[in-house]
Amino acid sequence: MAYRLKLLLFLRRLLAGKSGWKPPPHPAKPSTHNYSNLMAKNLEQEELGSINIIAAGTTLTGDLISSGDCRIDGVLKGNITSKSKIFIGKTGIIEGKIQCHSIEVEGAAKADITATEILSLKASAVLTGNIKVSKISIEPGANFVGNCVMQNPSPTPIPGIENE
């Protein structure tokens, strides 16, 4: 009983601010975040391979420029430029120009595509437009309407044929 009384008196003094008890000080941690612009990506995120996602049910009108990977499950009406990989999911739709390192398409695109590496069209893909790539992979069932230019970054010469 005496213990409860002491506890109640302590709590009453604590709530009144007269107990003399203070919480221990927390060591200050240096902040590594740049809070000047919360919407801006910092360089560390870019180097770690951040992924930009346009989710299903989202429509974006305008140009998208990124140095990280991009996944499109919604609708993008505009141009997209990425130094990395672009993935268009089954529900994804792009209308515009696409420039990237590599691209994988499961959804639909009405676009001219320039990829420095590979374009991969999955069985559910529908692509209308011209493409300029180094390598291409088309699964059976994929739809592609347009022109294709295969261009290696450094073409190897063919013996017996003069290069211009």
Protein backbone atom coordinates (compact mmCIF):
# COMPACT_ATOMS: atom_id res chain seq x y z
CA MET A 1 0.00 0.00 0.00
CA ALA A 2 2.84 2.38 0.87
CA TYR A 3 4.46 1.60 -2.48
CA ARG A 4 1.31 2.63 -4.35
CA LEU A 5 1.10 5.85 -2.37
CA LYS A 6 4.71 6.71 -3.17
CA LEU A 7 4.10 5.92 -6.85
CA LEU A 8 0.99 8.13 -6.95
CA LEU A 9 2.82 11.00 -5.26
CA PHE A 10 5.71 10.63 -7.71
CA LEU A 11 3.35 10.63 -10.70
CA ARG A 12 1.51 13.68 -9.34
CA ARG A 13 4.82 15.57 -8.97
CA LEU A 14 5.94 14.36 -12.40
CA LEU A 15 2.79 15.69 -14.03
CA ALA A 16 3.17 18.96 -12.15
CA GLY A 17 6.78 19.21 -13.33
CA LYS A 18 8.18 19.22 -9.78
CA SER A 19 9.64 15.72 -9.56
CA GLY A 20 13.17 16.74 -10.50
CA TRP A 21 13.28 13.90 -13.03
CA LYS A 22 14.52 14.76 -16.52
CA PRO A 23 14.73 12.44 -19.48
CA PRO A 24 18.27 11.47 -20.46
CA PRO A 25 19.72 13.60 -23.26
CA HIS A 26 19.76 11.99 -26.67
CA PRO A 27 23.01 12.22 -28.59
CA ALA A 28 22.70 14.56 -31.53
CA LYS A 29 22.96 12.76 -34.83
CA PRO A 30 24.25 14.74 -37.77
CA SER A 31 21.61 14.95 -40.45
CA THR A 32 22.53 13.58 -43.86
CA HIS A 33 19.28 14.69 -45.46
CA ASN A 34 18.82 17.79 -47.55
CA TYR A 35 15.48 19.21 -46.48
CA SER A 36 15.66 22.29 -48.70
CA ASN A 37 13.66 20.54 -51.39
CA LEU A 38 11.80 17.41 -50.26
CA MET A 39 10.66 16.55 -53.79
CA ALA A 40 14.15 16.57 -55.29
CA LYS A 41 16.08 13.34 -55.50
CA ASN A 42 19.56 13.46 -54.14
CA LEU A 43 22.53 12.12 -56.04
CA GLU A 44 22.98 9.17 -53.67
CA GLN A 45 19.55 7.78 -54.62
CA GLU A 46 20.37 8.11 -58.32
CA GLU A 47 23.63 6.22 -57.90
CA LEU A 48 21.93 3.42 -55.96
CA GLY A 49 19.60 2.71 -58.89
CA SER A 50 16.34 4.24 -57.77
CA ILE A 51 13.14 3.02 -59.41
CA ASN A 52 10.50 5.46 -60.60
CA ILE A 53 6.99 4.02 -60.74
CA ILE A 54 3.86 5.26 -62.47
CA ALA A 55 1.29 2.99 -60.86
CA ALA A 56 -1.82 1.51 -62.44
CA GLY A 57 -4.67 4.02 -62.36
CA THR A 58 -2.27 6.96 -62.78
CA THR A 59 -2.15 9.12 -65.92
CA LEU A 60 0.85 11.36 -66.44
CA THR A 61 0.87 13.95 -69.22
CA GLY A 62 4.29 15.44 -69.94
CA ASP A 63 7.89 14.45 -70.34
CA LEU A 64 9.72 12.21 -67.89
CA ILE A 65 13.52 12.38 -67.55
CA SER A 66 15.33 10.03 -65.18
CA SER A 67 18.74 8.51 -64.62
CA GLY A 68 17.20 5.56 -62.74
CA ASP A 69 14.97 2.69 -63.78
CA CYS A 70 11.34 3.43 -64.68
CA ARG A 71 8.34 1.14 -64.34
CA ILE A 72 5.15 2.18 -66.10
CA ASP A 73 1.94 0.44 -65.01
CA GLY A 74 -0.26 3.48 -65.65
CA VAL A 75 -0.56 5.80 -68.65
CA LEU A 76 2.19 8.16 -69.83
CA LYS A 77 1.31 10.65 -72.57
CA GLY A 78 4.62 12.25 -73.43
CA ASN A 79 8.27 11.48 -73.93
CA ILE A 80 10.41 9.44 -71.56
CA THR A 81 14.19 9.54 -71.35
CA SER A 82 16.17 7.29 -69.02
CA LYS A 83 19.85 6.44 -68.69
CA SER A 84 18.78 3.05 -67.38
CA LYS A 85 16.00 0.48 -67.97
CA ILE A 86 12.35 1.13 -68.71
CA PHE A 87 9.73 -1.52 -67.96
CA ILE A 88 6.18 -1.21 -69.29
CA GLY A 89 3.91 -3.54 -67.28
CA LYS A 90 0.83 -5.32 -68.63
CA THR A 91 -1.44 -2.40 -67.68
CA GLY A 92 1.08 0.23 -68.84
CA ILE A 93 0.51 2.47 -71.87
CA ILE A 94 2.95 4.98 -73.35
CA GLU A 95 2.25 7.46 -76.15
CA GLY A 96 5.32 9.45 -77.19
CA LYS A 97 9.04 8.99 -77.75
CA ILE A 98 11.19 6.68 -75.63
CA GLN A 99 14.96 6.92 -75.23
CA CYS A 100 16.72 4.56 -72.83
CA HIS A 101 19.49 2.07 -72.21
CA SER A 102 17.16 -0.95 -72.39
CA ILE A 103 13.42 -1.53 -72.41
CA GLU A 104 11.05 -4.39 -71.65
CA VAL A 105 7.44 -4.17 -72.84
CA GLU A 106 4.50 -6.22 -71.58
CA GLY A 107 1.86 -3.51 -72.11
CA ALA A 108 1.16 -1.14 -74.98
CA ALA A 109 3.26 1.59 -76.57
CA LYS A 110 2.57 3.91 -79.44
CA ALA A 111 6.06 5.32 -79.60
CA ASP A 112 9.32 5.67 -81.42
CA ILE A 113 11.91 3.84 -79.33
CA THR A 114 15.67 4.33 -79.23
CA ALA A 115 17.51 1.92 -76.94
CA THR A 116 21.30 1.65 -76.74
CA GLU A 117 21.10 -1.99 -75.63
CA ILE A 118 18.09 -4.32 -75.90
CA LEU A 119 14.36 -4.09 -76.58
CA SER A 120 12.38 -7.04 -75.24
CA LEU A 121 8.78 -7.51 -76.36
CA LYS A 122 6.89 -9.99 -74.18
CA ALA A 123 3.96 -12.08 -75.45
CA SER A 124 1.37 -9.55 -74.23
CA ALA A 125 3.15 -6.53 -75.77
CA VAL A 126 1.57 -4.25 -78.39
CA LEU A 127 4.03 -1.83 -79.99
CA THR A 128 3.25 0.62 -82.78
CA GLY A 129 6.14 2.79 -83.90
CA ASN A 130 9.69 2.78 -85.16
CA ILE A 131 12.51 1.30 -83.15
CA LYS A 132 16.28 1.78 -83.22
CA VAL A 133 18.11 -0.74 -81.05
CA SER A 134 21.28 -2.82 -80.77
CA LYS A 135 19.46 -6.04 -79.87
CA ILE A 136 15.84 -7.13 -79.99
CA SER A 137 13.89 -10.00 -78.45
CA ILE A 138 10.31 -10.70 -79.50
CA GLU A 139 8.31 -13.46 -77.83
CA PRO A 140 5.63 -15.30 -79.82
CA GLY A 141 2.30 -13.49 -79.45
CA ALA A 142 3.78 -9.98 -79.28
CA ASN A 143 2.44 -7.41 -81.78
CA PHE A 144 4.84 -5.01 -83.48
CA VAL A 145 3.89 -2.61 -86.28
CA GLY A 146 6.61 -0.31 -87.53
CA ASN A 147 10.18 -0.17 -88.76
CA CYS A 148 13.21 -1.57 -87.02
CA VAL A 149 16.80 -0.39 -87.36
CA MET A 150 19.41 -2.63 -85.76
CA GLN A 151 22.47 -0.57 -84.96
CA ASN A 152 25.35 -1.77 -82.83
CA PRO A 153 27.28 0.92 -80.99
CA SER A 154 30.47 -0.24 -82.72
CA PRO A 155 29.66 -2.35 -85.78
CA THR A 156 32.17 -5.03 -86.63
CA PRO A 157 33.44 -4.87 -90.22
CA ILE A 158 32.48 -7.70 -92.56
CA PRO A 159 35.47 -9.13 -94.44
CA GLY A 160 35.36 -8.45 -98.19
CA ILE A 161 32.89 -5.54 -97.88
CA GLU A 162 34.09 -1.95 -97.75
CA ASN A 163 32.60 0.24 -95.07
CA GLU A 164 31.72 3.79 -96.06
